[in-house]
Amino acid sequence: MDWKIALATFGAVFFAELADKTQLVGIIMAGESRRPFSVWCGSVAAYMIVTVVSVLLGAILGKYLKPEVVRYAGGVVFVLLGLLIILKKV
C-alpha cells in the first residue's frame, strides 16, 4: 500500500465531501429518523459501493486514456450538468 497516495486521496475526498449535500442528507435523515446508527450504516454502504465503482472505472479508463483526457472530459460533463440544472432540464 502506498500510504502517500492513500493519505492524499483521503484528504481530497474528506475535504471535497465536507459540508457537501451528501452530508446534509445524512444530518437530515439522522435527525428525522432518530436512528443515527442506521443512517451511518446506509451512508457508509452507499459510499463504499460508489467508491468501488469509481475506482474500478478509473482503473479501466486509466489503461486506455491519458489522465488529461479524463480530467477534461470530467470537467466538460460537470459544466454540462451545471448548465442543464440551470436550464431545469435535469
Protein backbone atom coordinates (compact mmCIF):
# COMPACT_ATOMS: atom_id res chain seq x y z
CA MET A 1 0.00 0.00 0.00
CA ASP A 2 1.27 3.41 -0.94
CA TRP A 3 0.42 5.46 2.16
CA LYS A 4 1.26 8.75 0.48
CA ILE A 5 -1.38 8.17 -2.21
CA ALA A 6 -3.85 6.80 0.36
CA LEU A 7 -3.48 9.84 2.61
CA ALA A 8 -3.66 12.27 -0.31
CA THR A 9 -6.84 10.56 -1.52
CA PHE A 10 -8.30 10.63 1.99
CA GLY A 11 -7.59 14.34 2.31
CA ALA A 12 -9.01 15.17 -1.11
CA VAL A 13 -12.21 13.17 -0.60
CA PHE A 14 -12.66 14.29 3.02
CA PHE A 15 -12.44 17.99 2.24
CA ALA A 16 -14.40 17.67 -1.02
CA GLU A 17 -17.27 15.95 0.79
CA LEU A 18 -17.20 18.17 3.88
CA ALA A 19 -20.43 20.21 4.04
CA ASP A 20 -21.49 18.61 0.76
CA LYS A 21 -25.16 17.94 0.08
CA THR A 22 -24.47 14.30 0.98
CA GLN A 23 -23.57 15.41 4.50
CA LEU A 24 -26.71 17.49 4.69
CA VAL A 25 -28.80 14.48 3.69
CA GLY A 26 -27.15 12.47 6.46
CA ILE A 27 -27.84 15.20 9.02
CA ILE A 28 -31.48 15.49 7.96
CA MET A 29 -32.09 11.74 7.86
CA ALA A 30 -30.43 11.17 11.22
CA GLY A 31 -32.47 13.96 12.76
CA GLU A 32 -35.79 12.87 11.27
CA SER A 33 -35.37 9.14 11.85
CA ARG A 34 -33.66 9.43 15.23
CA ARG A 35 -31.68 6.37 14.16
CA PRO A 36 -28.19 7.78 13.54
CA PHE A 37 -26.50 4.36 13.51
CA SER A 38 -28.82 3.12 10.76
CA VAL A 39 -28.24 6.30 8.77
CA TRP A 40 -24.49 5.90 9.25
CA CYS A 41 -24.60 2.25 8.09
CA GLY A 42 -26.62 3.16 5.00
CA SER A 43 -24.34 6.09 4.19
CA VAL A 44 -21.16 4.07 4.59
CA ALA A 45 -22.52 1.18 2.50
CA ALA A 46 -23.64 3.53 -0.29
CA TYR A 47 -20.37 5.43 -0.31
CA MET A 48 -18.38 2.18 -0.37
CA ILE A 49 -20.28 0.96 -3.43
CA VAL A 50 -19.95 4.32 -5.22
CA THR A 51 -16.24 4.37 -4.42
CA VAL A 52 -15.70 0.82 -5.71
CA VAL A 53 -17.46 1.70 -8.97
CA SER A 54 -15.48 4.93 -9.40
CA VAL A 55 -12.14 3.29 -8.62
CA LEU A 56 -12.80 0.39 -10.99
CA LEU A 57 -13.94 2.78 -13.71
CA GLY A 58 -10.85 4.92 -13.12
CA ALA A 59 -8.57 1.88 -13.29
CA ILE A 60 -10.14 0.76 -16.57
CA LEU A 61 -10.08 4.23 -18.13
CA GLY A 62 -6.53 4.75 -16.89
CA LYS A 63 -5.35 1.85 -19.05
CA TYR A 64 -6.70 3.40 -22.23
CA LEU A 65 -6.80 7.15 -21.72
CA LYS A 66 -4.32 9.76 -20.62
CA PRO A 67 -5.16 11.44 -17.29
CA GLU A 68 -5.58 14.78 -19.06
CA VAL A 69 -8.34 13.36 -21.27
CA VAL A 70 -10.22 12.02 -18.24
CA ARG A 71 -9.78 15.33 -16.40
CA TYR A 72 -11.06 17.41 -19.33
CA ALA A 73 -13.93 15.01 -20.03
CA GLY A 74 -14.93 15.19 -16.35
CA GLY A 75 -14.82 18.97 -16.50
CA VAL A 76 -16.99 19.05 -19.61
CA VAL A 77 -19.55 16.69 -18.04
CA PHE A 78 -19.56 18.80 -14.87
CA VAL A 79 -20.18 22.01 -16.82
CA LEU A 80 -22.88 20.39 -18.98
CA LEU A 81 -24.70 19.07 -15.91
CA GLY A 82 -24.47 22.51 -14.34
CA LEU A 83 -25.97 24.10 -17.43
CA LEU A 84 -28.76 21.51 -17.57
CA ILE A 85 -29.57 22.19 -13.92
CA ILE A 86 -29.61 25.94 -14.55
CA LEU A 87 -31.89 25.42 -17.53
CA LYS A 88 -34.00 22.98 -15.45
CA LYS A 89 -33.58 20.15 -17.93
CA VAL A 90 -32.49 17.62 -15.29
